[in-house]
Amino acid sequence: MDNKSLENKKNKEKNNKKDHSNIEWFIKIFITTFILSIIFSFISTNGISNLGLIPAVLILLFVILVGIVFDIIGVAVTVANEQEFHAKATKKVAGSKSSIKLIRNAPKVANICADVIGDICGVLSGAISALISMKITEQIGLNFNLQFILSALVAALTVGGKALGKGVANAKSTPIVHAVGKIMSVFGR
């Protein structure tokens, strides 16, 4: 077997491993998202329906905020510079090793933060806003469907918040990733 054939064989094996890894990631993320969506949807739907209007609105705002924060984390991890954390790691700064791991796994971290958690928060905020609009309609006795206005407001808050968050994530990626790394290092113990 010549060198070119051997190199081609190695490249095929490498690509097969990468494809297998991508399929495994897809399956893991699919199952995780499905289970989390069911759990959170069940909790929010049953929990919100038993709450008053003000607590329901506060929970809606919290869900929107969580989606925005995790989107910021996802963006920050993808733009952060790993080299900055190596210097901190040599000085044994808390969270720096976890930050390096986050950056090295940036595509997966961004997928989990921005897509899984962000999308689940988007679905939840839609369901919660529907429940809130029904509560308002019942309490006030409105004759028109408030859901359209409330859904538009939720979408505007979410998209606007994420737009602002992306700017923050780009400008402050190092402190954001370091803060998440510190939190992870505490829970990692």
Protein backbone atom coordinates (compact mmCIF):
# COMPACT_ATOMS: atom_id res chain seq x y z
CA MET A 1 0.00 0.00 0.00
CA ASP A 2 1.49 3.32 -1.03
CA ASN A 3 1.50 6.51 1.07
CA LYS A 4 -1.37 8.12 -0.83
CA SER A 5 -3.64 5.07 -0.32
CA LEU A 6 -2.70 4.94 3.36
CA GLU A 7 -3.43 8.67 3.74
CA ASN A 8 -6.80 8.28 1.99
CA LYS A 9 -7.70 5.39 4.28
CA LYS A 10 -6.81 7.46 7.37
CA ASN A 11 -8.86 10.39 6.10
CA LYS A 12 -11.88 8.12 5.49
CA GLU A 13 -11.59 6.68 9.00
CA LYS A 14 -11.28 10.17 10.46
CA ASN A 15 -14.36 11.37 8.53
CA ASN A 16 -16.32 8.27 9.60
CA LYS A 17 -15.46 8.94 13.25
CA LYS A 18 -16.49 12.58 12.85
CA ASP A 19 -19.79 11.59 11.19
CA HIS A 20 -20.46 9.05 13.95
CA SER A 21 -19.68 11.67 16.60
CA ASN A 22 -22.06 14.15 14.94
CA ILE A 23 -24.83 11.55 14.83
CA GLU A 24 -24.27 10.71 18.50
CA TRP A 25 -24.42 14.44 19.37
CA PHE A 26 -27.63 14.83 17.38
CA ILE A 27 -29.25 11.90 19.18
CA LYS A 28 -28.15 13.14 22.61
CA ILE A 29 -29.29 16.70 21.99
CA PHE A 30 -32.58 15.52 20.45
CA ILE A 31 -33.45 13.33 23.43
CA THR A 32 -32.34 15.94 25.97
CA THR A 33 -34.34 18.70 24.31
CA PHE A 34 -37.41 16.51 23.98
CA ILE A 35 -37.35 15.49 27.65
CA LEU A 36 -36.61 19.00 28.94
CA SER A 37 -39.35 20.48 26.76
CA ILE A 38 -41.92 18.04 28.10
CA ILE A 39 -40.89 18.64 31.70
CA PHE A 40 -40.78 22.43 31.47
CA SER A 41 -43.96 22.67 29.42
CA PHE A 42 -45.83 20.47 31.87
CA ILE A 43 -44.58 22.42 34.88
CA SER A 44 -45.20 25.83 33.35
CA THR A 45 -48.63 25.02 31.96
CA ASN A 46 -49.89 23.44 35.16
CA GLY A 47 -48.10 25.92 37.40
CA ILE A 48 -49.12 29.07 35.54
CA SER A 49 -52.76 28.06 35.23
CA ASN A 50 -53.01 28.01 39.04
CA LEU A 51 -51.28 31.36 39.57
CA GLY A 52 -52.60 34.88 39.59
CA LEU A 53 -51.92 37.32 36.78
CA ILE A 54 -48.95 39.16 38.32
CA PRO A 55 -46.96 36.03 39.30
CA ALA A 56 -47.66 34.57 35.84
CA VAL A 57 -46.32 37.73 34.17
CA LEU A 58 -43.24 37.66 36.42
CA ILE A 59 -42.57 34.04 35.47
CA LEU A 60 -42.99 34.95 31.80
CA LEU A 61 -40.42 37.74 32.16
CA PHE A 62 -38.09 35.35 33.99
CA VAL A 63 -38.36 32.76 31.19
CA ILE A 64 -37.60 35.44 28.59
CA LEU A 65 -34.60 36.61 30.65
CA VAL A 66 -33.25 33.07 30.98
CA GLY A 67 -33.43 32.64 27.20
CA ILE A 68 -31.56 35.91 26.69
CA VAL A 69 -28.88 35.11 29.29
CA PHE A 70 -28.18 31.68 27.81
CA ASP A 71 -28.02 33.18 24.33
CA ILE A 72 -25.41 35.63 25.64
CA ILE A 73 -23.41 32.75 27.11
CA GLY A 74 -23.59 30.82 23.83
CA VAL A 75 -22.30 33.78 21.83
CA ALA A 76 -19.62 34.68 24.40
CA VAL A 77 -18.19 31.16 24.35
CA THR A 78 -17.88 31.21 20.56
CA VAL A 79 -16.03 34.55 20.43
CA ALA A 80 -13.88 34.27 23.59
CA ASN A 81 -10.10 33.93 23.27
CA GLU A 82 -8.79 30.76 24.87
CA GLN A 83 -5.29 32.23 25.29
CA GLU A 84 -6.51 34.71 27.89
CA PHE A 85 -7.55 31.83 30.12
CA HIS A 86 -4.27 29.94 29.84
CA ALA A 87 -2.51 32.76 31.67
CA LYS A 88 -5.20 32.68 34.35
CA ALA A 89 -4.94 28.89 34.60
CA THR A 90 -1.19 29.05 35.25
CA LYS A 91 -1.95 31.46 38.11
CA LYS A 92 -4.61 29.01 39.33
CA VAL A 93 -7.42 31.55 38.98
CA ALA A 94 -10.73 29.91 39.88
CA GLY A 95 -12.83 28.95 36.87
CA SER A 96 -10.09 29.36 34.28
CA LYS A 97 -9.76 25.65 33.49
CA SER A 98 -13.52 25.30 33.17
CA SER A 99 -13.52 28.36 30.90
CA ILE A 100 -10.94 26.71 28.65
CA LYS A 101 -13.12 23.60 28.43
CA LEU A 102 -16.11 25.75 27.51
CA ILE A 103 -14.20 27.47 24.72
CA ARG A 104 -12.76 24.22 23.38
CA ASN A 105 -16.30 22.85 23.19
CA ALA A 106 -17.79 26.12 21.90
CA PRO A 107 -20.02 24.60 19.18
CA LYS A 108 -21.66 22.21 21.63
CA VAL A 109 -21.89 24.81 24.40
CA ALA A 110 -23.43 27.33 22.01
CA ASN A 111 -25.86 24.68 20.77
CA ILE A 112 -26.97 23.83 24.30
CA CYS A 113 -27.16 27.43 25.51
CA ALA A 114 -28.58 29.25 22.50
CA ASP A 115 -30.54 26.49 20.81
CA VAL A 116 -31.68 24.00 23.43
CA ILE A 117 -32.27 26.32 26.37
CA GLY A 118 -33.06 29.34 24.22
CA ASP A 119 -35.60 27.49 22.10
CA ILE A 120 -37.21 25.83 25.10
CA CYS A 121 -37.56 29.26 26.70
CA GLY A 122 -39.12 30.52 23.47
CA VAL A 123 -41.68 27.73 23.43
CA LEU A 124 -42.39 28.20 27.14
CA SER A 125 -42.82 31.95 26.78
CA GLY A 126 -45.32 31.34 23.98
CA ALA A 127 -47.30 28.87 26.08
CA ILE A 128 -47.19 31.13 29.13
CA SER A 129 -48.25 34.17 27.12
CA ALA A 130 -51.24 32.19 25.80
CA LEU A 131 -52.26 31.30 29.35
CA ILE A 132 -51.80 34.90 30.48
CA SER A 133 -53.92 36.21 27.61
CA MET A 134 -56.69 33.77 28.57
CA LYS A 135 -56.47 34.96 32.19
CA ILE A 136 -56.67 38.61 31.14
CA THR A 137 -59.55 37.92 28.75
CA GLU A 138 -61.46 36.06 31.48
CA GLN A 139 -60.77 38.64 34.20
CA ILE A 140 -61.49 41.74 32.14
CA GLY A 141 -63.99 40.21 29.73
CA LEU A 142 -62.36 41.35 26.48
CA ASN A 143 -64.06 40.50 23.21
CA PHE A 144 -60.91 40.40 21.05
CA ASN A 145 -58.04 37.94 21.06
CA LEU A 146 -55.28 39.44 23.18
CA GLN A 147 -52.96 36.54 22.34
CA PHE A 148 -51.76 38.19 19.11
CA ILE A 149 -50.64 41.33 20.90
CA LEU A 150 -49.09 39.45 23.82
CA SER A 151 -47.25 37.03 21.49
CA ALA A 152 -45.88 39.95 19.50
CA LEU A 153 -44.75 41.67 22.70
CA VAL A 154 -43.02 38.50 23.94
CA ALA A 155 -41.32 38.01 20.57
CA ALA A 156 -40.17 41.65 20.51
CA LEU A 157 -38.77 41.42 24.05
CA THR A 158 -36.99 38.16 23.27
CA VAL A 159 -35.49 39.20 19.93
CA GLY A 160 -34.63 42.70 21.17
CA GLY A 161 -33.06 41.31 24.32
CA LYS A 162 -31.01 38.80 22.35
CA ALA A 163 -29.90 41.53 19.93
CA LEU A 164 -28.63 43.64 22.83
CA GLY A 165 -27.16 40.53 24.43
CA LYS A 166 -25.11 39.64 21.37
CA GLY A 167 -23.42 43.03 21.54
CA VAL A 168 -22.69 42.52 25.22
CA ALA A 169 -21.41 38.98 24.56
CA ASN A 170 -19.03 40.21 21.86
CA ALA A 171 -17.70 43.07 23.96
CA LYS A 172 -17.47 41.20 27.27
CA SER A 173 -16.85 37.60 26.21
CA THR A 174 -13.91 37.02 28.57
CA PRO A 175 -15.66 38.07 31.81
CA ILE A 176 -18.85 36.27 30.78
CA VAL A 177 -17.07 33.00 30.01
CA HIS A 178 -14.98 33.37 33.17
CA ALA A 179 -18.11 33.86 35.30
CA VAL A 180 -19.69 30.75 33.78
CA GLY A 181 -16.40 28.88 34.27
CA LYS A 182 -16.37 29.85 37.96
CA ILE A 183 -19.93 28.60 38.38
CA MET A 184 -19.06 25.37 36.60
CA SER A 185 -15.95 24.82 38.70
CA VAL A 186 -18.02 25.13 41.87
CA PHE A 187 -20.57 22.58 40.65
CA GLY A 188 -17.84 20.40 39.14
CA ARG A 189 -16.45 19.65 42.56
